[in-house]
Amino acid sequence: MLTPEIVELCKQASVEQNVGKLLYLVSEINRLIAVRDDEHRKRFAFTSNPAPEDQSQILKSHPLC
């Protein structure tokens, strides 16, 4: 879901006639989406890749070691 800020910038960009202002709005939209995606990726990586277990303890408890 897009943030209200991104939606507002998209609305402004959809009617903007000034090329310079349009480029600014599009750049700002891209920046905000990139920030949002980075935050999402970090959160997802943390939940899907938990800290590895201490392998030395696993091996010590194995009957063949």
Protein backbone atom coordinates (compact mmCIF):
# COMPACT_ATOMS: atom_id res chain seq x y z
CA MET A 1 0.00 0.00 0.00
CA LEU A 2 1.28 3.44 -0.87
CA THR A 3 1.62 6.13 1.75
CA PRO A 4 -0.68 9.15 1.60
CA GLU A 5 2.36 11.29 0.79
CA ILE A 6 3.20 9.17 -2.27
CA VAL A 7 -0.42 9.20 -3.43
CA GLU A 8 -0.54 13.00 -3.13
CA LEU A 9 2.66 13.39 -5.13
CA CYS A 10 1.27 11.07 -7.81
CA LYS A 11 -1.89 13.18 -8.05
CA GLN A 12 0.20 16.31 -8.43
CA ALA A 13 2.42 14.68 -11.06
CA SER A 14 -0.59 13.49 -13.07
CA VAL A 15 -1.65 17.07 -13.83
CA GLU A 16 1.70 18.88 -13.78
CA GLN A 17 2.43 20.84 -16.98
CA ASN A 18 5.90 22.13 -16.05
CA VAL A 19 8.52 19.57 -17.11
CA GLY A 20 10.99 20.58 -14.40
CA LYS A 21 8.37 20.31 -11.67
CA LEU A 22 7.18 16.97 -13.09
CA LEU A 23 10.72 15.58 -13.00
CA TYR A 24 11.07 16.75 -9.41
CA LEU A 25 7.77 15.09 -8.42
CA VAL A 26 8.70 11.82 -10.13
CA SER A 27 12.13 11.84 -8.47
CA GLU A 28 10.53 12.42 -5.08
CA ILE A 29 8.00 9.62 -5.67
CA ASN A 30 10.83 7.24 -6.64
CA ARG A 31 12.86 8.23 -3.58
CA LEU A 32 9.95 7.65 -1.20
CA ILE A 33 9.13 4.29 -2.79
CA ALA A 34 12.79 3.22 -2.55
CA VAL A 35 12.92 4.17 1.14
CA ARG A 36 9.70 2.28 1.78
CA ASP A 37 10.97 -0.79 -0.12
CA ASP A 38 14.28 -0.76 1.79
CA GLU A 39 12.43 -0.66 5.11
CA HIS A 40 10.16 -3.49 3.99
CA ARG A 41 13.12 -5.56 2.76
CA LYS A 42 14.97 -5.11 6.06
CA ARG A 43 11.92 -6.15 8.05
CA PHE A 44 11.29 -9.15 5.81
CA ALA A 45 14.94 -10.24 5.88
CA PHE A 46 14.96 -10.10 9.67
CA THR A 47 11.86 -12.29 10.00
CA SER A 48 12.80 -14.75 7.25
CA ASN A 49 16.49 -15.11 8.18
CA PRO A 50 16.71 -15.52 11.94
CA ALA A 51 20.12 -15.52 13.58
CA PRO A 52 21.94 -18.81 12.97
CA GLU A 53 22.16 -21.26 15.81
CA ASP A 54 25.46 -21.94 17.52
CA GLN A 55 26.58 -24.91 15.42
CA SER A 56 29.28 -25.94 17.90
CA GLN A 57 26.64 -26.78 20.50
CA ILE A 58 24.65 -28.83 18.00
CA LEU A 59 27.70 -30.90 17.05
CA LYS A 60 28.69 -31.51 20.68
CA SER A 61 25.27 -32.94 21.45
CA HIS A 62 25.28 -35.28 18.45
CA PRO A 63 25.90 -38.95 19.46
CA LEU A 64 28.57 -39.53 16.78
CA CYS A 65 30.75 -36.60 17.84
